[in-house]
Amino acid sequence: MRLALLLSLLCSLCSCSGTDAERSSTSAPKTASGEGRGGSTGNTGNGAHPMSNNAKQSTDTSSTPDPAAASRATTREELATFGAGCFWCVEAVLERQNGVIDVSSGYMGGEVVNPSYKQVCNGDTGHAEVVQVRFDPRLVSYDTLLEWFWRLHDPTTMNRQGADVGTQYRSAIFYHSEEQKQRAMLSKKAEDESGRHVSRIVTEITPASTFYPAEEYHQDYFRLNPRAGYCRAVIAPKLEKLGIEDK
């Protein structure tokens, strides 16, 4: 009897030990699971977030330079100013050249402040009719503009271009830098020695002074008035002779 009771007690103790072992084995995954949840939310053993590398890469990408902005920053513009007779003709030729951004008709080289067209035509101010050219030197060089300058007028006639007579119609190069001065002098010498002219070139080369834009109705004159008498009789034939498309 006592033996049976002892055997029953031993069986009961074995059953309790098995349950505790199962509980211990069950609780271990919970701890691992807790670590796993930490991992599932992105935590790593060193506390770093696995997305931190991607975030850094995103930041690095945003700092990449914008090629378009860099191109705009390096855009260059220069000025050139020429007198070659009636500014309507000169403007019509030069504004059709690749690399020329804008051409404005006006007056330079005189003594009167802000002269009017009537004053200049009367010869009372000392100004020349000129065009001021804004150009991109990456697309068209100053030397190329000088070549067009020699071609579009007669640089050997003093204070005259065709039927237009007066000091306001003189042949003139107004330079905006020492480099332009040197280029203009070399170009004039080469043109003088080219054999293309019977008489010597009388073009004056002087520093640019204040440019006074001409009245609004003078700007883009040929483009806005292609049927006007002067445009049909003088400008259109000049463009054709130079091989420039009338557009």
Protein backbone atom coordinates (compact mmCIF):
# COMPACT_ATOMS: atom_id res chain seq x y z
CA MET A 1 0.00 0.00 0.00
CA ARG A 2 2.77 2.33 0.97
CA LEU A 3 4.61 1.32 -2.22
CA ALA A 4 1.62 2.21 -4.39
CA LEU A 5 1.29 5.59 -2.71
CA LEU A 6 4.98 6.33 -3.28
CA LEU A 7 4.73 5.41 -6.98
CA SER A 8 1.70 7.70 -7.37
CA LEU A 9 3.62 10.64 -5.82
CA LEU A 10 6.62 10.10 -8.11
CA CYS A 11 4.35 10.16 -11.23
CA SER A 12 2.79 13.42 -10.10
CA LEU A 13 6.21 15.08 -9.72
CA CYS A 14 7.30 13.99 -13.20
CA SER A 15 4.13 15.47 -14.74
CA CYS A 16 4.76 18.89 -13.15
CA SER A 17 8.38 19.01 -14.35
CA GLY A 18 7.26 18.39 -17.95
CA THR A 19 4.82 21.28 -17.84
CA ASP A 20 7.44 23.68 -16.49
CA ALA A 21 9.84 22.59 -19.23
CA GLU A 22 7.20 23.26 -21.88
CA ARG A 23 6.55 26.70 -20.39
CA SER A 24 10.25 27.45 -20.44
CA SER A 25 10.51 26.37 -24.07
CA THR A 26 7.47 28.49 -24.92
CA SER A 27 8.79 31.56 -23.14
CA ALA A 28 12.11 31.47 -25.03
CA PRO A 29 10.50 32.13 -28.42
CA LYS A 30 8.63 35.01 -26.87
CA THR A 31 11.92 36.63 -25.99
CA ALA A 32 13.24 35.87 -29.47
CA SER A 33 9.95 37.05 -30.89
CA GLY A 34 10.34 40.28 -28.99
CA GLU A 35 13.76 40.72 -30.57
CA GLY A 36 12.21 39.78 -33.87
CA ARG A 37 9.60 42.50 -33.57
CA GLY A 38 12.40 44.90 -32.88
CA GLY A 39 13.99 43.66 -36.11
CA SER A 40 10.73 43.82 -38.00
CA THR A 41 10.38 47.49 -37.17
CA GLY A 42 13.84 48.09 -38.56
CA ASN A 43 15.98 48.06 -35.42
CA THR A 44 19.36 46.41 -35.67
CA GLY A 45 21.81 45.29 -33.07
CA ASN A 46 23.75 48.57 -33.24
CA GLY A 47 20.61 50.74 -33.06
CA ALA A 48 20.91 51.91 -36.69
CA HIS A 49 17.81 52.09 -38.90
CA PRO A 50 18.10 49.97 -42.06
CA MET A 51 16.48 52.83 -44.02
CA SER A 52 19.23 55.24 -43.00
CA ASN A 53 21.44 54.23 -45.94
CA ASN A 54 18.58 54.81 -48.39
CA ALA A 55 17.86 58.16 -46.80
CA LYS A 56 21.51 59.14 -47.20
CA GLN A 57 21.47 58.04 -50.82
CA SER A 58 18.35 60.15 -51.38
CA THR A 59 20.08 63.16 -49.86
CA ASP A 60 23.16 62.64 -52.00
CA THR A 61 21.00 62.42 -55.16
CA SER A 62 19.27 65.72 -54.40
CA SER A 63 22.64 67.48 -54.32
CA THR A 64 23.44 66.55 -57.94
CA PRO A 65 24.04 69.78 -59.99
CA ASP A 66 21.36 70.85 -62.48
CA PRO A 67 22.98 70.95 -65.97
CA ALA A 68 20.45 73.52 -67.20
CA ALA A 69 21.19 75.82 -64.28
CA ALA A 70 24.91 75.43 -64.87
CA SER A 71 24.42 76.30 -68.54
CA ARG A 72 22.47 79.44 -67.67
CA ALA A 73 25.18 80.47 -65.23
CA THR A 74 27.83 80.29 -67.94
CA THR A 75 25.85 82.18 -70.58
CA ARG A 76 27.91 85.11 -71.90
CA GLU A 77 26.82 88.20 -73.78
CA GLU A 78 28.92 90.96 -75.34
CA LEU A 79 28.25 94.24 -77.10
CA ALA A 80 29.46 95.52 -80.45
CA THR A 81 28.62 98.94 -81.91
CA PHE A 82 28.94 99.89 -85.58
CA GLY A 83 28.17 102.91 -87.74
CA ALA A 84 27.76 102.09 -91.42
CA GLY A 85 25.29 104.54 -92.88
CA CYS A 86 21.53 104.30 -92.34
CA PHE A 87 20.92 102.17 -89.27
CA TRP A 88 17.85 100.58 -90.89
CA CYS A 89 20.11 98.74 -93.35
CA VAL A 90 22.75 97.72 -90.84
CA GLU A 91 20.15 96.43 -88.39
CA ALA A 92 18.43 94.33 -91.08
CA VAL A 93 21.71 92.57 -91.94
CA LEU A 94 23.13 91.92 -88.49
CA GLU A 95 19.95 90.82 -86.74
CA ARG A 96 19.79 87.88 -89.15
CA GLN A 97 23.13 86.44 -88.07
CA ASN A 98 23.33 83.32 -85.94
CA GLY A 99 24.44 84.16 -82.40
CA VAL A 100 23.10 87.71 -82.49
CA ILE A 101 20.65 88.14 -79.63
CA ASP A 102 19.41 91.65 -80.30
CA VAL A 103 20.16 94.71 -82.44
CA SER A 104 19.14 98.24 -81.43
CA SER A 105 19.32 101.32 -83.62
CA GLY A 106 20.56 104.52 -82.02
CA TYR A 107 23.15 107.28 -81.83
CA MET A 108 26.73 107.48 -80.50
CA GLY A 109 29.79 109.69 -80.72
CA GLY A 110 28.26 113.14 -80.29
CA GLU A 111 28.05 115.88 -77.70
CA VAL A 112 24.32 116.40 -77.14
CA VAL A 113 22.59 114.37 -74.43
CA ASN A 114 19.72 112.20 -75.65
CA PRO A 115 19.55 113.64 -79.18
CA SER A 116 16.49 113.31 -81.38
CA TYR A 117 16.51 111.89 -84.90
CA LYS A 118 15.85 115.37 -86.30
CA GLN A 119 18.84 116.83 -84.44
CA VAL A 120 21.14 114.07 -85.65
CA CYS A 121 19.93 114.43 -89.23
CA ASN A 122 20.59 118.16 -89.12
CA GLY A 123 24.20 117.41 -88.22
CA ASP A 124 23.97 119.49 -85.05
CA THR A 125 25.04 116.88 -82.48
CA GLY A 126 28.10 115.10 -83.88
CA HIS A 127 26.48 111.69 -83.44
CA ALA A 128 26.66 108.83 -85.90
CA GLU A 129 23.73 106.58 -86.66
CA VAL A 130 24.78 103.24 -85.16
CA VAL A 131 23.50 99.83 -84.24
CA GLN A 132 24.37 98.22 -80.94
CA VAL A 133 24.61 94.45 -81.23
CA ARG A 134 24.13 92.11 -78.28
CA PHE A 135 25.65 88.74 -79.18
CA ASP A 136 26.76 85.40 -77.77
CA PRO A 137 30.50 85.01 -78.52
CA ARG A 138 30.16 81.23 -78.24
CA LEU A 139 27.99 81.28 -81.37
CA VAL A 140 29.38 84.22 -83.32
CA SER A 141 32.76 85.89 -82.85
CA TYR A 142 33.51 89.59 -82.87
CA ASP A 143 35.76 88.96 -85.88
CA THR A 144 32.81 87.50 -87.78
CA LEU A 145 30.71 90.56 -87.00
CA LEU A 146 33.56 92.72 -88.30
CA GLU A 147 33.58 90.75 -91.53
CA TRP A 148 29.87 91.47 -91.99
CA PHE A 149 30.51 95.12 -91.15
CA TRP A 150 32.98 95.46 -94.06
CA ARG A 151 30.65 93.64 -96.45
CA LEU A 152 27.45 95.52 -95.74
CA HIS A 153 28.70 99.05 -96.59
CA ASP A 154 31.37 101.01 -98.41
CA PRO A 155 34.05 101.89 -95.82
CA THR A 156 35.99 104.08 -98.29
CA THR A 157 33.52 106.97 -98.59
CA MET A 158 33.86 109.78 -96.05
CA ASN A 159 30.59 110.71 -94.34
CA ARG A 160 28.49 109.07 -97.02
CA GLN A 161 26.70 105.85 -97.92
CA GLY A 162 25.00 105.98 -101.29
CA ALA A 163 22.52 108.82 -101.36
CA ASP A 164 22.79 109.33 -97.58
CA VAL A 165 25.26 112.16 -96.98
CA GLY A 166 26.38 113.69 -93.67
CA THR A 167 28.65 113.02 -90.71
CA GLN A 168 25.89 110.94 -89.13
CA TYR A 169 26.45 108.37 -91.89
CA ARG A 170 30.18 107.96 -91.30
CA SER A 171 31.83 104.54 -91.17
CA ALA A 172 32.75 103.85 -87.54
CA ILE A 173 33.63 101.08 -85.11
CA PHE A 174 33.06 101.88 -81.44
CA TYR A 175 34.97 99.37 -79.33
CA HIS A 176 33.87 98.22 -75.85
CA SER A 177 37.18 96.75 -74.68
CA GLU A 178 40.87 96.84 -75.43
CA GLU A 179 40.55 93.45 -77.08
CA GLN A 180 37.85 94.74 -79.42
CA LYS A 181 40.06 97.70 -80.28
CA GLN A 182 42.94 95.42 -81.25
CA ARG A 183 40.66 93.08 -83.23
CA ALA A 184 39.11 96.04 -85.07
CA MET A 185 42.50 97.53 -86.00
CA LEU A 186 43.80 94.19 -87.27
CA SER A 187 40.60 93.61 -89.21
CA LYS A 188 40.73 97.07 -90.78
CA LYS A 189 44.35 96.56 -91.84
CA ALA A 190 43.54 93.17 -93.38
CA GLU A 191 40.54 94.61 -95.22
CA ASP A 192 42.58 97.55 -96.48
CA GLU A 193 45.22 95.19 -97.86
CA SER A 194 42.74 92.72 -99.34
CA GLY A 195 42.50 94.44 -102.71
CA ARG A 196 38.70 94.56 -102.54
CA HIS A 197 38.61 98.36 -102.44
CA VAL A 198 39.90 100.89 -104.95
CA SER A 199 40.28 103.62 -102.30
CA ARG A 200 41.66 103.53 -98.79
CA ILE A 201 39.35 102.69 -95.90
CA VAL A 202 38.30 105.76 -93.86
CA THR A 203 36.53 103.92 -91.02
CA GLU A 204 37.17 105.51 -87.63
CA ILE A 205 37.90 103.28 -84.61
CA THR A 206 37.04 105.00 -81.31
CA PRO A 207 36.00 104.06 -77.77
CA ALA A 208 32.31 103.44 -77.23
CA SER A 209 30.55 106.29 -75.47
CA THR A 210 26.96 106.70 -74.34
CA PHE A 211 24.51 104.88 -76.59
CA TYR A 212 21.20 106.66 -77.09
CA PRO A 213 18.49 104.36 -78.50
CA ALA A 214 16.66 105.85 -81.46
CA GLU A 215 12.95 106.52 -81.39
CA GLU A 216 10.74 103.42 -81.23
CA TYR A 217 9.58 103.65 -84.85
CA HIS A 218 13.19 103.15 -86.01
CA GLN A 219 13.56 99.78 -84.23
CA ASP A 220 13.12 96.66 -86.41
CA TYR A 221 12.24 99.01 -89.23
CA PHE A 222 12.65 96.61 -92.13
CA ARG A 223 10.86 93.76 -90.37
CA LEU A 224 7.90 95.97 -89.52
CA ASN A 225 7.82 97.95 -92.80
CA PRO A 226 8.91 95.58 -95.58
CA ARG A 227 6.71 97.35 -98.18
CA ALA A 228 8.04 100.84 -97.42
CA GLY A 229 9.78 102.52 -100.37
CA TYR A 230 13.26 102.64 -98.79
CA CYS A 231 13.00 99.03 -97.71
CA ARG A 232 12.07 97.83 -101.21
CA ALA A 233 14.56 100.07 -103.02
CA VAL A 234 17.60 99.76 -100.72
CA ILE A 235 17.37 97.17 -97.93
CA ALA A 236 15.80 94.24 -99.79
CA PRO A 237 18.34 94.42 -102.68
CA LYS A 238 21.19 94.67 -100.12
CA LEU A 239 20.04 91.50 -98.36
CA GLU A 240 19.77 89.72 -101.69
CA LYS A 241 23.24 90.86 -102.76
CA LEU A 242 24.72 89.57 -99.49
CA GLY A 243 22.94 86.25 -99.86
CA ILE A 244 20.84 86.79 -96.74
CA GLU A 245 17.37 85.30 -96.69
CA ASP A 246 14.64 87.92 -96.31
CA LYS A 247 12.68 86.51 -93.35
